[in-house]
Amino acid sequence: MKIKTFKLLTIALALLVSSCTVPETSDSSSDNSSSDSSSGTDTTPEALSIEEIRVLSLACEAIADSDGVGTSTQVVEFTGKLLARLDAITTQRNYGNRYKLLFVDQTGYIYVKADKITYDKVESGINNTYRIVGNPSIYAGEAEVVLKNYYSATAIDVNLSTLAEEVESIAEVHSYISSLRLNVKGIAFSKIIQFEAKYIGIAANAVLLFTDGENAIYLHGDNYVGNNFTLNASYRLFAAATMFNFRPGVEFLERSSIDDLDITLDISELPTISGSELYNYKYEVDENATYPNYSSKFTTLMRFEGYVNYYYKNGKGNVVLMDAFRSDTYGTYQNAADAKTVFVNNDNCTGLYSEYDYSRCPFDEYFVAEPVKIEVVFMPYLWNTNKYWQGFFLTDTINVIE
């Protein structure tokens, strides 16, 4: 990844800093930059590589505002392959920075800040090549380009194995993500990495769980990301490091199959955490101070010991696990949350209505009149905004212990 010369780079940095501005803030989560390829600019864009533009973008740190945002008036362009769309959902206070597009060329990666119209238009354009015109910018420590225009372009070939940084373990992934600068909503996007792990479960429609035997991590993708993987198979993952609502994870980009990783989960060796203990870890919106304790819960598989119960919503049953036996069910999620139960996030154990629904949930057989204590491997999934903990459980590890 060479840039012409150190002398020219130094000059470019000096020129860029002089052209950097702090953008006006907005209460909207979209921006006003045009993505219509028919619109023009008053400045002829300078064609550069992504790595060169990253240097220009990072130079804007010198004039970034208190939200970590600084944008250059310089107009640049690059041709890159679109790898992913990332929706922050919640954004920096008073700054519309919700929608991100991740691009690569042969020299590196960069995020592009787009409006919602563009974000929606390119949904079917993943892995397509575009010519991007925009302004170098920085957002909370990460280089990006504020989009002005985009155009379809001749496909380019990019080998992610040469761009993605090799990471030896999921523990190392967690360590790096925990060092990222976050916005006030606990959001961060960062570099492309590669590591090996085994796929052990689907935690949500677009969220998969992987382990390397020591630690675990959630991988996010589109609604069909699970079609790329076979349960209990091992892979080399190419992904973007992310933090979302203070939860560390990675965004799926590519994968290749590898020989099976020799991973055996010994439940007795896993740390145990109770529902009461888990409820001591939560984040409050806009409070970065809660971030390290909260995010540390998403680093390893754990063992839960307790009892099965249900709460009901609109006549449908939803499984919760509790520390102490209770013979009657919970009428509302608030009742279950007050009891510090862990809400099972597995899709076959929520919204149960018919006899068939209940028969598909592996926990149902342990909901009986007499106390039956079980142990099961799980990974905390989310501190829900309704103030209860959700977990994803490896149901093939359920054991009766009393």
Protein backbone atom coordinates (compact mmCIF):
# COMPACT_ATOMS: atom_id res chain seq x y z
CA MET A 1 0.00 0.00 0.00
CA LYS A 2 2.40 2.67 -1.19
CA ILE A 3 1.58 6.34 -1.50
CA LYS A 4 3.63 8.30 -4.03
CA THR A 5 6.30 9.84 -1.80
CA PHE A 6 6.61 11.00 1.77
CA LYS A 7 7.30 14.55 0.57
CA LEU A 8 4.14 14.71 -1.52
CA LEU A 9 2.15 13.16 1.30
CA THR A 10 3.33 15.82 3.72
CA ILE A 11 2.29 18.57 1.31
CA ALA A 12 -1.08 16.91 0.77
CA LEU A 13 -1.71 16.77 4.49
CA ALA A 14 -0.89 20.44 4.91
CA LEU A 15 -3.21 21.41 2.08
CA LEU A 16 -6.00 19.24 3.39
CA VAL A 17 -5.95 20.60 6.93
CA SER A 18 -6.36 24.07 5.46
CA SER A 19 -9.45 22.86 3.59
CA CYS A 20 -11.08 21.02 6.49
CA THR A 21 -14.24 22.40 8.03
CA VAL A 22 -16.49 21.43 10.90
CA PRO A 23 -19.92 20.56 9.47
CA GLU A 24 -23.09 22.18 10.65
CA THR A 25 -25.03 19.90 12.94
CA SER A 26 -28.50 18.65 12.20
CA ASP A 27 -31.27 16.97 14.12
CA SER A 28 -31.94 14.72 11.15
CA SER A 29 -30.44 11.25 10.74
CA SER A 30 -30.07 11.78 6.99
CA ASP A 31 -27.93 14.26 5.08
CA ASN A 32 -28.47 16.71 2.26
CA SER A 33 -25.68 15.57 -0.05
CA SER A 34 -26.92 14.46 -3.46
CA SER A 35 -26.48 10.90 -4.64
CA ASP A 36 -28.01 11.53 -8.06
CA SER A 37 -25.38 10.84 -10.71
CA SER A 38 -26.80 13.64 -12.83
CA SER A 39 -25.93 16.32 -10.30
CA GLY A 40 -22.57 18.02 -10.61
CA THR A 41 -20.05 19.79 -8.41
CA ASP A 42 -18.27 23.08 -8.80
CA THR A 43 -14.94 21.41 -8.17
CA THR A 44 -13.33 18.82 -10.41
CA PRO A 45 -12.74 15.79 -8.18
CA GLU A 46 -9.21 14.45 -7.80
CA ALA A 47 -8.97 10.74 -8.55
CA LEU A 48 -7.11 8.95 -5.77
CA SER A 49 -6.78 5.50 -4.28
CA ILE A 50 -8.70 4.66 -1.14
CA GLU A 51 -5.49 4.55 0.88
CA GLU A 52 -4.60 8.07 -0.26
CA ILE A 53 -8.08 9.31 0.63
CA ARG A 54 -7.84 7.68 4.06
CA VAL A 55 -4.77 9.80 4.75
CA LEU A 56 -6.63 12.94 3.74
CA SER A 57 -9.64 11.97 5.85
CA LEU A 58 -7.62 11.18 8.97
CA ALA A 59 -5.93 14.59 8.70
CA CYS A 60 -9.29 16.18 9.51
CA GLU A 61 -8.90 14.96 13.10
CA ALA A 62 -7.05 18.21 13.73
CA ILE A 63 -10.26 20.23 13.29
CA ALA A 64 -12.87 17.70 14.37
CA ASP A 65 -15.63 19.07 16.59
CA SER A 66 -16.66 17.74 19.98
CA ASP A 67 -18.61 14.95 18.28
CA GLY A 68 -15.45 13.83 16.47
CA VAL A 69 -16.61 15.12 13.07
CA GLY A 70 -14.55 17.10 10.57
CA THR A 71 -15.02 17.36 6.80
CA SER A 72 -12.79 18.71 4.04
CA THR A 73 -14.00 20.99 1.26
CA GLN A 74 -11.68 19.11 -1.10
CA VAL A 75 -13.52 16.90 -3.60
CA VAL A 76 -12.05 13.49 -4.37
CA GLU A 77 -13.13 10.39 -6.22
CA PHE A 78 -12.26 6.73 -6.13
CA THR A 79 -13.41 3.52 -7.75
CA GLY A 80 -14.21 0.77 -5.26
CA LYS A 81 -16.13 -2.41 -4.61
CA LEU A 82 -19.09 -2.16 -2.25
CA LEU A 83 -18.80 -4.81 0.47
CA ALA A 84 -21.45 -3.94 3.04
CA ARG A 85 -24.12 -1.52 4.20
CA LEU A 86 -24.12 -0.62 7.88
CA ASP A 87 -27.04 1.07 9.61
CA ALA A 88 -26.06 2.62 12.93
CA ILE A 89 -29.75 3.12 13.83
CA THR A 90 -28.74 5.52 16.59
CA THR A 91 -26.25 8.23 15.73
CA GLN A 92 -24.07 10.86 17.29
CA ARG A 93 -26.10 13.52 19.02
CA ASN A 94 -27.12 16.30 16.60
CA TYR A 95 -25.32 14.77 13.62
CA GLY A 96 -26.94 12.80 10.82
CA ASN A 97 -24.43 10.04 10.33
CA ARG A 98 -26.56 6.93 10.34
CA TYR A 99 -25.92 5.22 7.01
CA LYS A 100 -22.51 3.82 6.04
CA LEU A 101 -21.28 2.01 2.95
CA LEU A 102 -18.03 0.04 3.16
CA PHE A 103 -15.82 0.13 0.05
CA VAL A 104 -12.48 -1.43 -0.86
CA ASP A 105 -9.98 -1.20 -3.69
CA GLN A 106 -6.57 -2.85 -4.03
CA THR A 107 -5.07 -0.39 -1.54
CA GLY A 108 -7.45 -0.39 1.38
CA TYR A 109 -10.92 0.24 2.78
CA ILE A 110 -13.02 3.29 3.59
CA TYR A 111 -16.55 4.04 4.79
CA VAL A 112 -18.83 6.32 2.78
CA LYS A 113 -21.47 8.39 4.56
CA ALA A 114 -24.67 8.18 2.51
CA ASP A 115 -28.25 9.35 2.79
CA LYS A 116 -31.13 6.91 3.19
CA ILE A 117 -32.16 7.10 -0.47
CA THR A 118 -28.73 5.95 -1.60
CA TYR A 119 -28.48 3.39 1.19
CA ASP A 120 -31.72 1.79 0.02
CA LYS A 121 -30.85 2.02 -3.69
CA VAL A 122 -27.60 0.08 -3.36
CA GLU A 123 -29.09 -2.79 -1.33
CA SER A 124 -28.85 -5.04 -4.37
CA GLY A 125 -25.45 -3.63 -5.29
CA ILE A 126 -23.30 -5.46 -2.75
CA ASN A 127 -20.09 -6.64 -4.47
CA ASN A 128 -20.72 -4.24 -7.36
CA THR A 129 -18.19 -1.56 -8.30
CA TYR A 130 -18.92 2.17 -8.12
CA ARG A 131 -17.13 5.44 -8.76
CA ILE A 132 -17.61 7.56 -5.64
CA VAL A 133 -17.31 11.35 -5.52
CA GLY A 134 -17.24 13.13 -2.19
CA ASN A 135 -15.38 14.94 0.57
CA PRO A 136 -12.74 13.39 2.82
CA SER A 137 -14.06 13.36 6.38
CA ILE A 138 -13.50 11.89 9.81
CA TYR A 139 -16.09 10.53 12.20
CA ALA A 140 -15.18 9.47 15.75
CA GLY A 141 -11.64 8.57 14.69
CA GLU A 142 -12.54 6.63 11.52
CA ALA A 143 -11.83 7.85 7.99
CA GLU A 144 -14.76 8.24 5.65
CA VAL A 145 -16.02 10.07 2.57
CA VAL A 146 -19.17 12.20 2.63
CA LEU A 147 -20.98 11.18 -0.54
CA LYS A 148 -21.79 13.72 -3.26
CA ASN A 149 -22.36 11.50 -6.29
CA TYR A 150 -21.95 7.87 -7.29
CA TYR A 151 -21.80 6.08 -10.64
CA SER A 152 -21.71 2.46 -11.75
CA ALA A 153 -18.20 1.44 -12.83
CA THR A 154 -16.36 -1.43 -14.45
CA ALA A 155 -15.84 -4.24 -11.97
CA ILE A 156 -12.54 -4.38 -10.11
CA ASP A 157 -11.06 -7.48 -8.50
CA VAL A 158 -10.06 -7.14 -4.85
CA ASN A 159 -8.45 -9.91 -2.81
CA LEU A 160 -9.60 -9.43 0.79
CA SER A 161 -6.94 -11.77 2.11
CA THR A 162 -4.34 -9.14 1.22
CA LEU A 163 -6.32 -6.29 2.84
CA ALA A 164 -7.74 -7.90 5.96
CA GLU A 165 -5.55 -7.83 9.04
CA GLU A 166 -4.82 -11.29 10.44
CA VAL A 167 -6.16 -11.69 13.98
CA GLU A 168 -5.03 -14.73 15.95
CA SER A 169 -8.05 -15.20 18.21
CA ILE A 170 -11.48 -13.87 19.07
CA ALA A 171 -9.97 -12.54 22.30
CA GLU A 172 -7.73 -10.34 20.15
CA VAL A 173 -10.78 -9.22 18.15
CA HIS A 174 -12.53 -8.21 21.38
CA SER A 175 -9.44 -6.42 22.65
CA TYR A 176 -9.19 -4.34 19.48
CA ILE A 177 -12.89 -3.50 19.32
CA SER A 178 -12.84 -2.45 22.97
CA SER A 179 -10.19 0.15 22.09
CA LEU A 180 -12.34 1.88 19.46
CA ARG A 181 -13.60 5.39 19.97
CA LEU A 182 -17.39 5.24 20.25
CA ASN A 183 -20.05 7.79 19.57
CA VAL A 184 -22.49 8.59 22.36
CA LYS A 185 -24.74 5.71 21.32
CA GLY A 186 -21.99 3.10 21.56
CA ILE A 187 -21.43 2.83 17.79
CA ALA A 188 -18.12 2.36 15.96
CA PHE A 189 -17.00 0.97 12.59
CA SER A 190 -13.41 0.05 11.91
CA LYS A 191 -10.87 -2.04 9.99
CA ILE A 192 -11.28 -5.26 8.04
CA ILE A 193 -9.97 -8.34 9.85
CA GLN A 194 -9.71 -12.08 9.23
CA PHE A 195 -9.81 -14.90 11.78
CA GLU A 196 -10.86 -18.52 12.13
CA ALA A 197 -13.90 -19.72 14.06
CA LYS A 198 -16.69 -22.30 14.19
CA TYR A 199 -20.33 -21.45 13.51
CA ILE A 200 -22.42 -22.65 16.45
CA GLY A 201 -25.82 -21.00 16.15
CA ILE A 202 -28.16 -18.38 14.73
CA ALA A 203 -28.96 -15.88 17.45
CA ALA A 204 -31.30 -13.72 15.36
CA ASN A 205 -32.40 -13.39 11.75
CA ALA A 206 -29.18 -11.62 10.74
CA VAL A 207 -26.91 -12.47 13.68
CA LEU A 208 -24.79 -15.63 13.94
CA LEU A 209 -22.63 -16.86 16.83
CA PHE A 210 -19.06 -18.12 16.33
CA THR A 211 -16.45 -19.51 18.70
CA ASP A 212 -12.77 -20.39 18.56
CA GLY A 213 -13.05 -22.62 21.62
CA GLU A 214 -11.92 -19.95 24.06
CA ASN A 215 -14.16 -17.01 23.25
CA ALA A 216 -17.21 -16.21 21.15
CA ILE A 217 -18.44 -13.36 18.98
CA TYR A 218 -21.58 -12.31 17.13
CA LEU A 219 -21.36 -11.82 13.36
CA HIS A 220 -23.93 -9.56 11.70
CA GLY A 221 -25.00 -9.65 8.07
CA ASP A 222 -28.09 -9.32 5.91
CA ASN A 223 -31.24 -11.37 6.48
CA TYR A 224 -29.79 -14.23 4.47
CA VAL A 225 -26.34 -14.38 6.05
CA GLY A 226 -27.08 -17.81 7.50
CA ASN A 227 -27.25 -19.24 3.99
CA ASN A 228 -23.49 -18.78 3.75
CA PHE A 229 -22.74 -21.18 6.60
CA THR A 230 -23.29 -24.75 7.79
CA LEU A 231 -23.91 -25.30 11.49
CA ASN A 232 -20.82 -26.57 13.37
CA ALA A 233 -18.58 -26.05 10.33
CA SER A 234 -15.37 -24.01 10.58
CA TYR A 235 -14.47 -20.95 8.53
CA ARG A 236 -11.98 -18.21 7.90
CA LEU A 237 -14.07 -15.08 8.33
CA PHE A 238 -13.43 -11.76 6.63
CA ALA A 239 -15.30 -9.06 8.52
CA ALA A 240 -15.34 -5.45 9.61
CA ALA A 241 -14.79 -4.79 13.32
CA THR A 242 -17.79 -3.00 14.83
CA MET A 243 -19.33 -1.87 18.08
CA PHE A 244 -23.11 -1.59 18.11
CA ASN A 245 -24.96 -0.21 21.13
CA PHE A 246 -21.83 -1.02 23.18
CA ARG A 247 -21.85 -4.66 22.00
CA PRO A 248 -18.69 -5.85 20.20
CA GLY A 249 -19.15 -7.78 16.98
CA VAL A 250 -18.13 -8.08 13.35
CA GLU A 251 -19.88 -7.35 10.05
CA PHE A 252 -19.76 -10.22 7.56
CA LEU A 253 -17.91 -9.59 4.29
CA GLU A 254 -16.63 -12.93 2.97
CA ARG A 255 -15.78 -16.41 4.18
CA SER A 256 -13.83 -19.47 3.13
CA SER A 257 -14.20 -23.01 4.46
CA ILE A 258 -11.36 -24.53 6.47
CA ASP A 259 -10.65 -27.86 8.13
CA ASP A 260 -12.77 -28.44 11.20
CA LEU A 261 -11.45 -26.67 14.28
CA ASP A 262 -11.08 -29.15 17.13
CA ILE A 263 -13.42 -27.48 19.59
CA THR A 264 -15.12 -29.34 22.41
CA LEU A 265 -17.26 -27.35 24.82
CA ASP A 266 -16.78 -28.60 28.36
CA ILE A 267 -19.67 -27.07 30.29
CA SER A 268 -17.94 -27.66 33.62
CA GLU A 269 -15.05 -25.45 32.53
CA LEU A 270 -17.20 -22.48 31.57
CA PRO A 271 -17.78 -19.53 33.92
CA THR A 272 -21.21 -19.44 35.55
CA ILE A 273 -23.37 -16.34 35.75
CA SER A 274 -26.81 -15.98 37.29
CA GLY A 275 -29.63 -13.77 36.10
CA SER A 276 -29.18 -11.55 39.15
CA GLU A 277 -25.50 -11.10 38.34
CA LEU A 278 -26.18 -10.43 34.66
CA TYR A 279 -28.61 -7.63 35.53
CA ASN A 280 -25.73 -5.77 37.18
CA TYR A 281 -24.32 -5.22 33.68
CA LYS A 282 -26.23 -2.86 31.45
CA TYR A 283 -25.68 0.31 29.49
CA GLU A 284 -27.72 3.45 29.68
CA VAL A 285 -28.15 5.47 26.50
CA ASP A 286 -25.49 8.18 26.11
CA GLU A 287 -23.42 6.85 29.02
CA ASN A 288 -20.05 5.71 27.70
CA ALA A 289 -18.89 5.18 31.25
CA THR A 290 -20.94 1.96 31.38
CA TYR A 291 -19.33 0.63 28.20
CA PRO A 292 -16.40 -1.51 29.46
CA ASN A 293 -18.39 -3.51 32.03
CA TYR A 294 -21.32 -4.04 29.70
CA SER A 295 -19.35 -5.03 26.62
CA SER A 296 -17.19 -7.45 28.59
CA LYS A 297 -20.20 -9.77 28.88
CA PHE A 298 -20.01 -10.46 25.14
CA THR A 299 -16.60 -12.10 25.11
CA THR A 300 -17.12 -15.70 26.13
CA LEU A 301 -19.60 -18.52 26.36
CA MET A 302 -21.02 -18.99 29.84
CA ARG A 303 -23.03 -21.48 31.83
CA PHE A 304 -26.46 -20.67 33.21
CA GLU A 305 -27.97 -22.75 35.98
CA GLY A 306 -31.65 -22.28 36.77
CA TYR A 307 -35.25 -23.04 35.98
CA VAL A 308 -37.53 -22.70 32.96
CA ASN A 309 -40.58 -20.44 32.94
CA TYR A 310 -42.71 -18.36 30.56
CA TYR A 311 -44.01 -14.87 30.19
CA TYR A 312 -46.98 -14.21 27.94
CA LYS A 313 -47.62 -11.49 25.40
CA ASN A 314 -50.84 -11.39 23.37
CA GLY A 315 -51.52 -14.96 24.40
CA LYS A 316 -48.15 -16.22 23.15
CA GLY A 317 -45.53 -17.84 25.35
CA ASN A 318 -41.90 -16.73 25.57
CA VAL A 319 -39.29 -18.70 27.49
CA VAL A 320 -37.32 -17.13 30.32
CA LEU A 321 -34.74 -18.75 32.60
CA MET A 322 -34.70 -17.82 36.27
CA ASP A 323 -32.38 -18.35 39.21
CA ALA A 324 -35.01 -19.69 41.62
CA PHE A 325 -37.95 -21.99 40.99
CA ARG A 326 -41.37 -20.42 40.50
CA SER A 327 -44.46 -22.50 39.81
CA ASP A 328 -46.62 -19.81 38.18
CA THR A 329 -45.82 -17.99 34.95
CA TYR A 330 -45.28 -14.28 34.32
CA GLY A 331 -48.20 -12.33 32.92
CA THR A 332 -46.02 -9.63 31.31
CA TYR A 333 -42.42 -9.08 30.32
CA GLN A 334 -42.20 -6.41 33.03
CA ASN A 335 -42.95 -9.03 35.68
CA ALA A 336 -40.28 -11.31 34.26
CA ALA A 337 -37.77 -8.47 34.02
CA ASP A 338 -38.43 -7.45 37.62
CA ALA A 339 -37.57 -11.02 38.63
CA LYS A 340 -34.23 -10.68 36.75
CA THR A 341 -34.92 -13.56 34.41
CA VAL A 342 -32.90 -14.10 31.24
CA PHE A 343 -35.13 -13.91 28.16
CA VAL A 344 -34.38 -16.69 25.67
CA ASN A 345 -33.72 -15.11 22.28
CA ASN A 346 -33.71 -18.35 20.27
CA ASP A 347 -36.38 -17.98 17.59
CA ASN A 348 -37.95 -21.38 18.33
CA CYS A 349 -38.62 -20.36 21.94
CA THR A 350 -40.41 -17.03 21.42
CA GLY A 351 -43.97 -16.24 20.34
CA LEU A 352 -45.18 -19.79 21.04
CA TYR A 353 -48.86 -20.36 20.38
CA SER A 354 -49.74 -23.78 19.02
CA GLU A 355 -48.91 -27.18 20.44
CA TYR A 356 -46.48 -27.56 17.57
CA ASP A 357 -44.73 -24.31 18.54
CA TYR A 358 -44.19 -25.53 22.09
CA SER A 359 -42.96 -28.94 20.91
CA ARG A 360 -40.21 -27.24 18.87
CA CYS A 361 -38.78 -25.40 21.88
CA PRO A 362 -36.20 -27.61 23.66
CA PHE A 363 -36.83 -25.86 26.99
CA ASP A 364 -40.52 -26.71 27.15
CA GLU A 365 -40.04 -30.22 28.57
CA TYR A 366 -38.31 -28.71 31.62
CA PHE A 367 -41.25 -26.48 32.55
CA VAL A 368 -42.97 -28.77 35.02
CA ALA A 369 -44.81 -28.52 38.36
CA GLU A 370 -41.85 -29.74 40.40
CA PRO A 371 -38.44 -27.99 40.39
CA VAL A 372 -36.14 -29.25 37.63
CA LYS A 373 -32.85 -27.38 37.60
CA ILE A 374 -30.91 -27.32 34.36
CA GLU A 375 -27.59 -26.04 33.09
CA VAL A 376 -27.07 -24.73 29.59
CA VAL A 377 -24.40 -22.85 27.63
CA PHE A 378 -25.36 -19.36 26.55
CA MET A 379 -24.06 -16.04 25.33
CA PRO A 380 -25.65 -12.77 26.46
CA TYR A 381 -27.33 -11.24 23.42
CA LEU A 382 -28.60 -7.81 24.36
CA TRP A 383 -29.70 -5.53 27.16
CA ASN A 384 -33.09 -4.71 25.68
CA THR A 385 -34.27 -1.10 25.73
CA ASN A 386 -37.25 -2.36 27.75
CA LYS A 387 -34.67 -3.14 30.44
CA TYR A 388 -34.28 -6.88 30.41
CA TRP A 389 -31.47 -9.21 29.36
CA GLN A 390 -31.77 -11.47 26.34
CA GLY A 391 -29.52 -14.47 25.79
CA PHE A 392 -28.84 -16.93 23.00
CA PHE A 393 -28.69 -20.52 24.27
CA LEU A 394 -26.99 -23.59 22.80
CA THR A 395 -29.92 -25.89 23.40
CA ASP A 396 -28.00 -29.07 22.59
CA THR A 397 -26.02 -28.46 25.82
CA ILE A 398 -29.05 -28.60 28.18
CA ASN A 399 -28.42 -30.92 31.14
CA VAL A 400 -30.55 -31.65 34.21
CA ILE A 401 -28.49 -31.07 37.36
CA GLU A 402 -31.16 -31.62 40.05
